[in-house]
Amino acid sequence: MGADYMLTILIPATTSESRTAIVITVQDRSTSWIDATLEALRGKGHRDGSARRTVIELLGRQDCCVTAQEIFDDLRIEGTPVGIASIYRTLEQLTREGFVQRIDVGAGISRFEPLHADGEHHHHLVCDSCGKVEAFADDQLERALRKVEGRTGYSVAGHDVVLRGACRDCVEAQ
């Protein structure tokens, strides 16, 4: 996984079963990204604003990319409203400073997701009919991209692959 942050889960003892408490320690990649990002920003002299922290924490909990509007809506549902302008400013700063990747999925829509220091990432399938976005990973695709790098002599710092088409639901509905 590459993360160095550990999450401890305590499962309390029960009276119905005769067992003692169980402690499980696991790596938590999202918390590691959140903490590393906040620490790096503080190290660059940025103050620890609550809006920025709230957006970073929400991004760190996502499995895939989200839009600024989705962040706005999710935070409002959670009872932690942050202004849409603050969300855009935070996303722009995080993208500019290399903590977040902007993914353009077409129709003028940008989505955002954390960039992990270990380089682990995924790519995206976008349905042109309903707008659904799904993540995918493919080792053969990664090998092919490394071959292109080797053949061309480019030193590729990063890449993103967005495949567009129709999702299974939309194909079946046609």
N, C-alpha and C. Protein backbone atom coordinates (compact mmCIF):
# COMPACT_ATOMS: atom_id res chain seq x y z
N MET A 1 0.81 -1.20 0.00
CA MET A 1 0.00 0.00 0.00
C MET A 1 0.85 1.26 0.00
N GLY A 2 1.94 1.27 0.75
CA GLY A 2 2.80 2.43 0.75
C GLY A 2 2.46 3.46 1.79
N ALA A 3 1.32 3.40 2.43
CA ALA A 3 0.95 4.38 3.43
C ALA A 3 1.65 4.05 4.74
N ASP A 4 1.96 5.10 5.52
CA ASP A 4 2.63 4.86 6.78
C ASP A 4 1.75 5.25 7.96
N TYR A 5 0.51 5.50 7.74
CA TYR A 5 -0.42 5.85 8.80
C TYR A 5 -1.19 4.61 9.20
N MET A 6 -1.31 4.40 10.48
CA MET A 6 -2.00 3.21 10.96
C MET A 6 -3.31 3.60 11.64
N LEU A 7 -4.35 2.85 11.41
CA LEU A 7 -5.64 3.03 12.03
C LEU A 7 -5.85 1.85 12.97
N THR A 8 -6.24 2.15 14.20
CA THR A 8 -6.49 1.09 15.16
C THR A 8 -7.98 0.95 15.37
N ILE A 9 -8.47 -0.27 15.24
CA ILE A 9 -9.89 -0.55 15.43
C ILE A 9 -10.01 -1.40 16.69
N LEU A 10 -10.84 -0.97 17.61
CA LEU A 10 -11.06 -1.69 18.85
C LEU A 10 -12.43 -2.34 18.81
N ILE A 11 -12.47 -3.65 18.93
CA ILE A 11 -13.74 -4.37 19.01
C ILE A 11 -13.88 -4.76 20.48
N PRO A 12 -14.83 -4.15 21.19
CA PRO A 12 -14.93 -4.35 22.64
C PRO A 12 -15.32 -5.79 23.00
N ALA A 13 -14.95 -6.14 24.22
CA ALA A 13 -15.35 -7.44 24.76
C ALA A 13 -16.86 -7.45 24.91
N THR A 14 -17.43 -8.64 24.86
CA THR A 14 -18.88 -8.75 25.02
C THR A 14 -19.20 -9.67 26.19
N THR A 15 -20.38 -9.46 26.73
CA THR A 15 -20.83 -10.34 27.80
C THR A 15 -21.54 -11.56 27.24
N SER A 16 -22.11 -11.44 26.04
CA SER A 16 -22.82 -12.57 25.44
C SER A 16 -21.86 -13.65 24.95
N GLU A 17 -20.66 -13.27 24.56
CA GLU A 17 -19.64 -14.21 24.15
C GLU A 17 -18.48 -14.10 25.13
N SER A 18 -17.84 -15.17 25.39
CA SER A 18 -16.71 -15.06 26.31
C SER A 18 -15.45 -14.79 25.49
N ARG A 19 -15.23 -13.54 25.20
CA ARG A 19 -14.00 -13.15 24.53
C ARG A 19 -13.56 -11.79 25.05
N THR A 20 -12.29 -11.55 24.96
CA THR A 20 -11.74 -10.27 25.39
C THR A 20 -11.79 -9.31 24.21
N ALA A 21 -11.44 -8.08 24.48
CA ALA A 21 -11.42 -7.08 23.42
C ALA A 21 -10.39 -7.46 22.35
N ILE A 22 -10.67 -7.09 21.11
CA ILE A 22 -9.78 -7.36 19.99
C ILE A 22 -9.31 -6.01 19.46
N VAL A 23 -8.02 -5.89 19.25
CA VAL A 23 -7.46 -4.67 18.67
C VAL A 23 -6.88 -5.03 17.31
N ILE A 24 -7.33 -4.32 16.27
CA ILE A 24 -6.86 -4.56 14.91
C ILE A 24 -6.21 -3.28 14.43
N THR A 25 -5.01 -3.38 13.90
CA THR A 25 -4.32 -2.21 13.36
C THR A 25 -4.16 -2.41 11.86
N VAL A 26 -4.63 -1.43 11.10
CA VAL A 26 -4.56 -1.50 9.64
C VAL A 26 -4.04 -0.19 9.09
N GLN A 27 -3.48 -0.25 7.90
CA GLN A 27 -3.05 0.98 7.24
C GLN A 27 -4.28 1.70 6.69
N ASP A 28 -4.33 2.99 6.88
CA ASP A 28 -5.45 3.79 6.38
C ASP A 28 -4.91 4.81 5.39
N ARG A 29 -5.03 4.49 4.12
CA ARG A 29 -4.48 5.32 3.06
C ARG A 29 -5.11 6.70 3.00
N SER A 30 -6.43 6.80 3.21
CA SER A 30 -7.10 8.09 3.09
C SER A 30 -6.65 9.04 4.19
N THR A 31 -6.55 8.54 5.43
CA THR A 31 -6.12 9.40 6.53
C THR A 31 -4.69 9.84 6.33
N SER A 32 -3.86 8.95 5.79
CA SER A 32 -2.47 9.30 5.52
C SER A 32 -2.39 10.44 4.51
N TRP A 33 -3.19 10.39 3.44
CA TRP A 33 -3.19 11.46 2.44
C TRP A 33 -3.68 12.77 3.05
N ILE A 34 -4.74 12.70 3.85
CA ILE A 34 -5.28 13.90 4.49
C ILE A 34 -4.22 14.54 5.36
N ASP A 35 -3.61 13.76 6.25
CA ASP A 35 -2.60 14.30 7.16
C ASP A 35 -1.39 14.83 6.42
N ALA A 36 -0.91 14.09 5.43
CA ALA A 36 0.26 14.52 4.67
C ALA A 36 -0.01 15.82 3.91
N THR A 37 -1.20 15.94 3.35
CA THR A 37 -1.56 17.15 2.61
C THR A 37 -1.65 18.35 3.54
N LEU A 38 -2.34 18.20 4.66
CA LEU A 38 -2.46 19.30 5.62
C LEU A 38 -1.09 19.72 6.15
N GLU A 39 -0.24 18.74 6.47
CA GLU A 39 1.10 19.04 6.98
C GLU A 39 1.95 19.75 5.93
N ALA A 40 1.88 19.30 4.69
CA ALA A 40 2.65 19.94 3.61
C ALA A 40 2.20 21.37 3.39
N LEU A 41 0.91 21.61 3.45
CA LEU A 41 0.40 22.98 3.27
C LEU A 41 0.86 23.88 4.42
N ARG A 42 0.81 23.36 5.65
CA ARG A 42 1.31 24.14 6.80
C ARG A 42 2.80 24.43 6.62
N GLY A 43 3.54 23.44 6.13
CA GLY A 43 4.96 23.61 5.90
C GLY A 43 5.27 24.67 4.85
N LYS A 44 4.33 24.90 3.95
CA LYS A 44 4.50 25.94 2.92
C LYS A 44 3.98 27.28 3.40
N GLY A 45 3.57 27.35 4.67
CA GLY A 45 3.14 28.62 5.25
C GLY A 45 1.66 28.91 5.11
N HIS A 46 0.87 27.96 4.62
CA HIS A 46 -0.57 28.18 4.50
C HIS A 46 -1.22 27.97 5.86
N ARG A 47 -2.13 28.84 6.21
CA ARG A 47 -2.82 28.66 7.48
C ARG A 47 -3.81 27.51 7.34
N ASP A 48 -4.20 26.98 8.46
CA ASP A 48 -5.05 25.79 8.49
C ASP A 48 -6.53 26.22 8.52
N GLY A 49 -7.02 26.73 7.40
CA GLY A 49 -8.40 27.21 7.34
C GLY A 49 -9.40 26.06 7.40
N SER A 50 -10.53 26.30 8.02
CA SER A 50 -11.51 25.23 8.20
C SER A 50 -12.12 24.78 6.87
N ALA A 51 -12.34 25.71 5.94
CA ALA A 51 -12.92 25.32 4.65
C ALA A 51 -11.95 24.41 3.90
N ARG A 52 -10.67 24.79 3.87
CA ARG A 52 -9.67 23.98 3.18
C ARG A 52 -9.57 22.60 3.83
N ARG A 53 -9.51 22.56 5.14
CA ARG A 53 -9.41 21.30 5.88
C ARG A 53 -10.63 20.41 5.57
N THR A 54 -11.81 21.00 5.57
CA THR A 54 -13.04 20.25 5.33
C THR A 54 -13.05 19.64 3.93
N VAL A 55 -12.62 20.40 2.93
CA VAL A 55 -12.57 19.89 1.55
C VAL A 55 -11.53 18.78 1.45
N ILE A 56 -10.37 18.97 2.07
CA ILE A 56 -9.31 17.95 2.03
C ILE A 56 -9.80 16.67 2.69
N GLU A 57 -10.44 16.80 3.83
CA GLU A 57 -10.94 15.60 4.52
C GLU A 57 -11.99 14.86 3.68
N LEU A 58 -12.88 15.60 3.01
CA LEU A 58 -13.87 14.94 2.16
C LEU A 58 -13.19 14.25 0.98
N LEU A 59 -12.24 14.94 0.32
CA LEU A 59 -11.53 14.33 -0.81
C LEU A 59 -10.81 13.05 -0.39
N GLY A 60 -10.22 13.08 0.79
CA GLY A 60 -9.48 11.92 1.27
C GLY A 60 -10.34 10.70 1.52
N ARG A 61 -11.63 10.90 1.70
CA ARG A 61 -12.55 9.78 1.95
C ARG A 61 -13.17 9.21 0.67
N GLN A 62 -12.89 9.80 -0.48
CA GLN A 62 -13.52 9.38 -1.73
C GLN A 62 -12.79 8.21 -2.36
N ASP A 63 -13.55 7.35 -3.03
CA ASP A 63 -12.96 6.23 -3.77
C ASP A 63 -12.60 6.62 -5.20
N CYS A 64 -13.23 7.69 -5.69
CA CYS A 64 -13.00 8.11 -7.06
C CYS A 64 -13.16 9.62 -7.13
N CYS A 65 -13.05 10.14 -8.31
CA CYS A 65 -13.07 11.58 -8.52
C CYS A 65 -14.47 12.18 -8.29
N VAL A 66 -14.49 13.43 -7.85
CA VAL A 66 -15.74 14.15 -7.58
C VAL A 66 -15.67 15.55 -8.19
N THR A 67 -16.83 16.11 -8.45
CA THR A 67 -16.90 17.49 -8.94
C THR A 67 -16.96 18.44 -7.76
N ALA A 68 -16.70 19.71 -8.02
CA ALA A 68 -16.83 20.73 -6.98
C ALA A 68 -18.27 20.77 -6.47
N GLN A 69 -19.24 20.61 -7.35
CA GLN A 69 -20.64 20.62 -6.93
C GLN A 69 -20.96 19.43 -6.03
N GLU A 70 -20.41 18.26 -6.35
CA GLU A 70 -20.62 17.09 -5.49
C GLU A 70 -20.01 17.30 -4.11
N ILE A 71 -18.84 17.93 -4.06
CA ILE A 71 -18.23 18.26 -2.77
C ILE A 71 -19.15 19.20 -2.00
N PHE A 72 -19.62 20.25 -2.66
CA PHE A 72 -20.54 21.22 -2.05
C PHE A 72 -21.77 20.51 -1.49
N ASP A 73 -22.39 19.65 -2.30
CA ASP A 73 -23.60 18.94 -1.87
C ASP A 73 -23.32 17.98 -0.71
N ASP A 74 -22.23 17.22 -0.79
CA ASP A 74 -21.89 16.26 0.27
C ASP A 74 -21.63 16.97 1.59
N LEU A 75 -20.90 18.09 1.53
CA LEU A 75 -20.62 18.82 2.77
C LEU A 75 -21.89 19.40 3.38
N ARG A 76 -22.79 19.85 2.54
CA ARG A 76 -24.06 20.38 3.04
C ARG A 76 -24.87 19.26 3.71
N ILE A 77 -24.91 18.09 3.10
CA ILE A 77 -25.61 16.94 3.68
C ILE A 77 -24.99 16.56 5.03
N GLU A 78 -23.65 16.63 5.12
CA GLU A 78 -22.95 16.30 6.36
C GLU A 78 -23.16 17.36 7.44
N GLY A 79 -23.74 18.49 7.07
CA GLY A 79 -23.95 19.56 8.04
C GLY A 79 -22.74 20.45 8.22
N THR A 80 -21.83 20.42 7.24
CA THR A 80 -20.63 21.25 7.27
C THR A 80 -20.59 22.08 5.99
N PRO A 81 -21.51 23.02 5.84
CA PRO A 81 -21.54 23.76 4.58
C PRO A 81 -20.29 24.63 4.38
N VAL A 82 -19.77 24.56 3.17
CA VAL A 82 -18.64 25.39 2.74
C VAL A 82 -19.08 26.05 1.45
N GLY A 83 -18.79 27.32 1.31
CA GLY A 83 -19.18 28.05 0.10
C GLY A 83 -18.55 27.47 -1.15
N ILE A 84 -19.28 27.50 -2.23
CA ILE A 84 -18.79 26.94 -3.49
C ILE A 84 -17.52 27.65 -3.96
N ALA A 85 -17.40 28.96 -3.72
CA ALA A 85 -16.18 29.69 -4.12
C ALA A 85 -14.98 29.19 -3.33
N SER A 86 -15.16 28.90 -2.04
CA SER A 86 -14.07 28.35 -1.22
C SER A 86 -13.66 26.97 -1.72
N ILE A 87 -14.63 26.19 -2.14
CA ILE A 87 -14.33 24.86 -2.68
C ILE A 87 -13.50 24.98 -3.94
N TYR A 88 -13.90 25.85 -4.86
CA TYR A 88 -13.14 26.03 -6.10
C TYR A 88 -11.73 26.54 -5.82
N ARG A 89 -11.59 27.51 -4.88
CA ARG A 89 -10.26 28.03 -4.54
C ARG A 89 -9.38 26.91 -3.97
N THR A 90 -9.96 26.10 -3.10
CA THR A 90 -9.20 25.01 -2.49
C THR A 90 -8.79 23.99 -3.55
N LEU A 91 -9.71 23.61 -4.43
CA LEU A 91 -9.38 22.65 -5.49
C LEU A 91 -8.29 23.19 -6.41
N GLU A 92 -8.38 24.47 -6.74
CA GLU A 92 -7.36 25.09 -7.60
C GLU A 92 -5.99 25.06 -6.92
N GLN A 93 -5.95 25.41 -5.64
CA GLN A 93 -4.69 25.39 -4.90
C GLN A 93 -4.12 23.97 -4.80
N LEU A 94 -4.97 23.00 -4.46
CA LEU A 94 -4.52 21.62 -4.31
C LEU A 94 -4.03 21.05 -5.64
N THR A 95 -4.67 21.44 -6.73
CA THR A 95 -4.24 21.00 -8.07
C THR A 95 -2.91 21.64 -8.43
N ARG A 96 -2.81 22.94 -8.22
CA ARG A 96 -1.59 23.69 -8.55
C ARG A 96 -0.39 23.16 -7.77
N GLU A 97 -0.62 22.79 -6.51
CA GLU A 97 0.49 22.35 -5.66
C GLU A 97 0.74 20.84 -5.71
N GLY A 98 -0.01 20.12 -6.57
CA GLY A 98 0.27 18.72 -6.81
C GLY A 98 -0.32 17.72 -5.82
N PHE A 99 -1.33 18.13 -5.07
CA PHE A 99 -1.98 17.21 -4.13
C PHE A 99 -3.22 16.55 -4.72
N VAL A 100 -3.77 17.17 -5.76
CA VAL A 100 -5.01 16.70 -6.37
C VAL A 100 -4.85 16.70 -7.88
N GLN A 101 -5.45 15.74 -8.53
CA GLN A 101 -5.46 15.67 -9.99
C GLN A 101 -6.81 16.12 -10.50
N ARG A 102 -6.78 17.02 -11.49
CA ARG A 102 -8.01 17.44 -12.17
C ARG A 102 -8.20 16.53 -13.37
N ILE A 103 -9.39 15.98 -13.49
CA ILE A 103 -9.71 15.08 -14.59
C ILE A 103 -10.84 15.71 -15.39
N ASP A 104 -10.58 16.02 -16.64
CA ASP A 104 -11.60 16.60 -17.51
C ASP A 104 -12.35 15.46 -18.17
N VAL A 105 -13.64 15.34 -17.86
CA VAL A 105 -14.43 14.21 -18.36
C VAL A 105 -15.34 14.61 -19.51
N GLY A 106 -15.14 15.79 -20.04
CA GLY A 106 -15.95 16.24 -21.17
C GLY A 106 -17.07 17.14 -20.74
N ALA A 107 -17.69 17.80 -21.71
CA ALA A 107 -18.82 18.71 -21.50
C ALA A 107 -18.47 19.82 -20.50
N GLY A 108 -17.18 20.18 -20.43
CA GLY A 108 -16.75 21.25 -19.53
C GLY A 108 -16.76 20.86 -18.06
N ILE A 109 -16.84 19.59 -17.77
CA ILE A 109 -16.90 19.12 -16.39
C ILE A 109 -15.53 18.62 -15.94
N SER A 110 -15.07 19.15 -14.81
CA SER A 110 -13.83 18.68 -14.20
C SER A 110 -14.16 17.94 -12.92
N ARG A 111 -13.42 16.87 -12.71
CA ARG A 111 -13.55 16.10 -11.47
C ARG A 111 -12.17 16.10 -10.81
N PHE A 112 -12.14 15.86 -9.51
CA PHE A 112 -10.91 15.96 -8.75
C PHE A 112 -10.75 14.75 -7.84
N GLU A 113 -9.48 14.30 -7.69
CA GLU A 113 -9.19 13.23 -6.75
C GLU A 113 -7.77 13.37 -6.25
N PRO A 114 -7.50 12.81 -5.06
CA PRO A 114 -6.16 12.92 -4.48
C PRO A 114 -5.09 12.25 -5.35
N LEU A 115 -3.91 12.86 -5.36
CA LEU A 115 -2.72 12.24 -5.95
C LEU A 115 -1.93 11.65 -4.80
N HIS A 116 -1.64 10.38 -4.87
CA HIS A 116 -0.93 9.71 -3.79
C HIS A 116 0.57 9.69 -4.08
N ALA A 117 1.37 9.91 -3.05
CA ALA A 117 2.82 10.01 -3.20
C ALA A 117 3.44 8.74 -3.76
N ASP A 118 2.82 7.59 -3.51
CA ASP A 118 3.39 6.33 -4.00
C ASP A 118 3.06 6.07 -5.47
N GLY A 119 2.30 6.99 -6.10
CA GLY A 119 1.99 6.85 -7.52
C GLY A 119 0.81 5.95 -7.83
N GLU A 120 0.26 5.28 -6.82
CA GLU A 120 -0.89 4.40 -7.06
C GLU A 120 -2.06 5.25 -7.57
N HIS A 121 -2.72 4.75 -8.61
CA HIS A 121 -3.81 5.50 -9.21
C HIS A 121 -4.72 4.57 -10.00
N HIS A 122 -5.78 5.14 -10.52
CA HIS A 122 -6.67 4.40 -11.40
C HIS A 122 -7.09 5.33 -12.53
N HIS A 123 -7.82 4.78 -13.49
CA HIS A 123 -8.29 5.55 -14.63
C HIS A 123 -9.82 5.56 -14.61
N HIS A 124 -10.42 6.16 -15.62
CA HIS A 124 -11.87 6.39 -15.55
C HIS A 124 -12.59 6.04 -16.84
N LEU A 125 -13.78 5.47 -16.65
CA LEU A 125 -14.74 5.24 -17.73
C LEU A 125 -15.85 6.26 -17.54
N VAL A 126 -16.22 6.96 -18.61
CA VAL A 126 -17.25 7.99 -18.52
C VAL A 126 -18.36 7.66 -19.51
N CYS A 127 -19.58 7.60 -19.01
CA CYS A 127 -20.73 7.35 -19.87
C CYS A 127 -21.19 8.68 -20.48
N ASP A 128 -21.18 8.75 -21.80
CA ASP A 128 -21.61 9.97 -22.50
C ASP A 128 -23.12 10.17 -22.42
N SER A 129 -23.87 9.12 -22.09
CA SER A 129 -25.33 9.23 -22.02
C SER A 129 -25.80 9.75 -20.66
N CYS A 130 -25.38 9.08 -19.58
CA CYS A 130 -25.90 9.44 -18.24
C CYS A 130 -24.89 10.18 -17.38
N GLY A 131 -23.62 10.22 -17.80
CA GLY A 131 -22.60 10.95 -17.05
C GLY A 131 -21.93 10.15 -15.95
N LYS A 132 -22.30 8.87 -15.79
CA LYS A 132 -21.68 8.05 -14.75
C LYS A 132 -20.18 7.95 -14.99
N VAL A 133 -19.42 7.99 -13.88
CA VAL A 133 -17.96 7.84 -13.95
C VAL A 133 -17.59 6.65 -13.08
N GLU A 134 -16.81 5.73 -13.65
CA GLU A 134 -16.36 4.56 -12.90
C GLU A 134 -14.84 4.46 -13.01
N ALA A 135 -14.23 4.02 -11.92
CA ALA A 135 -12.78 3.84 -11.89
C ALA A 135 -12.42 2.45 -12.41
N PHE A 136 -11.25 2.35 -13.03
CA PHE A 136 -10.72 1.04 -13.40
C PHE A 136 -9.20 1.09 -13.33
N ALA A 137 -8.60 -0.05 -13.09
CA ALA A 137 -7.15 -0.19 -13.12
C ALA A 137 -6.82 -1.34 -14.05
N ASP A 138 -5.70 -1.25 -14.73
CA ASP A 138 -5.33 -2.28 -15.69
C ASP A 138 -3.81 -2.34 -15.77
N ASP A 139 -3.23 -3.42 -15.27
CA ASP A 139 -1.77 -3.57 -15.26
C ASP A 139 -1.18 -3.61 -16.67
N GLN A 140 -1.89 -4.23 -17.62
CA GLN A 140 -1.39 -4.27 -18.99
C GLN A 140 -1.34 -2.88 -19.61
N LEU A 141 -2.34 -2.04 -19.29
CA LEU A 141 -2.33 -0.66 -19.78
C LEU A 141 -1.14 0.09 -19.20
N GLU A 142 -0.87 -0.10 -17.91
CA GLU A 142 0.27 0.58 -17.28
C GLU A 142 1.58 0.15 -17.92
N ARG A 143 1.72 -1.16 -18.22
CA ARG A 143 2.93 -1.64 -18.88
C ARG A 143 3.06 -1.02 -20.28
N ALA A 144 1.95 -0.93 -21.00
CA ALA A 144 1.98 -0.33 -22.35
C ALA A 144 2.40 1.14 -22.28
N LEU A 145 1.91 1.85 -21.27
CA LEU A 145 2.28 3.26 -21.14
C LEU A 145 3.76 3.41 -20.79
N ARG A 146 4.30 2.51 -19.98
CA ARG A 146 5.74 2.55 -19.67
C ARG A 146 6.57 2.24 -20.92
N LYS A 147 6.07 1.34 -21.77
CA LYS A 147 6.77 1.04 -23.03
C LYS A 147 6.82 2.27 -23.92
N VAL A 148 5.72 3.00 -23.99
CA VAL A 148 5.69 4.24 -24.79
C VAL A 148 6.73 5.21 -24.25
N GLU A 149 6.80 5.32 -22.94
CA GLU A 149 7.79 6.20 -22.32
C GLU A 149 9.21 5.78 -22.74
N GLY A 150 9.48 4.49 -22.66
CA GLY A 150 10.80 4.00 -23.04
C GLY A 150 11.12 4.20 -24.51
N ARG A 151 10.14 3.96 -25.37
CA ARG A 151 10.34 4.11 -26.83
C ARG A 151 10.55 5.55 -27.23
N THR A 152 9.86 6.47 -26.59
CA THR A 152 9.92 7.87 -27.00
C THR A 152 11.02 8.65 -26.31
N GLY A 153 11.53 8.12 -25.20
CA GLY A 153 12.55 8.85 -24.46
C GLY A 153 12.00 9.91 -23.54
N TYR A 154 10.68 10.03 -23.48
CA TYR A 154 10.06 11.00 -22.57
C TYR A 154 10.21 10.53 -21.13
N SER A 155 10.35 11.46 -20.24
CA SER A 155 10.29 11.17 -18.81
C SER A 155 8.89 11.58 -18.37
N VAL A 156 8.00 10.61 -18.33
CA VAL A 156 6.59 10.89 -18.06
C VAL A 156 6.39 11.06 -16.55
N ALA A 157 5.89 12.21 -16.17
CA ALA A 157 5.66 12.50 -14.75
C ALA A 157 4.32 11.97 -14.27
N GLY A 158 3.37 11.81 -15.17
CA GLY A 158 2.06 11.31 -14.80
C GLY A 158 1.19 11.17 -16.03
N HIS A 159 0.08 10.52 -15.85
CA HIS A 159 -0.87 10.34 -16.95
C HIS A 159 -2.25 10.07 -16.38
N ASP A 160 -3.22 10.30 -17.20
CA ASP A 160 -4.57 9.87 -16.85
C ASP A 160 -5.24 9.38 -18.12
N VAL A 161 -6.06 8.37 -17.97
CA VAL A 161 -6.75 7.78 -19.11
C VAL A 161 -8.24 7.89 -18.82
N VAL A 162 -8.96 8.50 -19.74
CA VAL A 162 -10.41 8.61 -19.63
C VAL A 162 -11.00 7.97 -20.88
N LEU A 163 -11.75 6.88 -20.68
CA LEU A 163 -12.42 6.21 -21.78
C LEU A 163 -13.88 6.62 -21.78
N ARG A 164 -14.38 7.06 -22.93
CA ARG A 164 -15.76 7.52 -23.05
C ARG A 164 -16.57 6.53 -23.87
N GLY A 165 -17.84 6.45 -23.53
CA GLY A 165 -18.73 5.56 -24.26
C GLY A 165 -20.06 5.47 -23.56
N ALA A 166 -20.66 4.31 -23.58
CA ALA A 166 -21.96 4.09 -22.93
C ALA A 166 -21.80 3.01 -21.87
N CYS A 167 -22.31 3.29 -20.67
CA CYS A 167 -22.25 2.30 -19.59
C CYS A 167 -23.21 1.16 -19.88
N ARG A 168 -23.09 0.10 -19.11
CA ARG A 168 -23.93 -1.10 -19.32
C ARG A 168 -25.41 -0.73 -19.23
N ASP A 169 -25.79 0.09 -18.23
CA ASP A 169 -27.21 0.45 -18.07
C ASP A 169 -27.75 1.17 -19.31
N CYS A 170 -26.97 2.10 -19.83
CA CYS A 170 -27.43 2.85 -20.99
C CYS A 170 -27.45 1.98 -22.25
N VAL A 171 -26.50 1.08 -22.38
CA VAL A 171 -26.49 0.17 -23.53
C VAL A 171 -27.74 -0.71 -23.49
N GLU A 172 -28.06 -1.25 -22.29
CA GLU A 172 -29.23 -2.12 -22.15
C GLU A 172 -30.53 -1.38 -22.36
N ALA A 173 -30.55 -0.07 -22.06
CA ALA A 173 -31.77 0.73 -22.21
C ALA A 173 -32.06 1.09 -23.67
N GLN A 174 -31.05 0.94 -24.53
CA GLN A 174 -31.23 1.33 -25.94
C GLN A 174 -31.92 0.26 -26.73
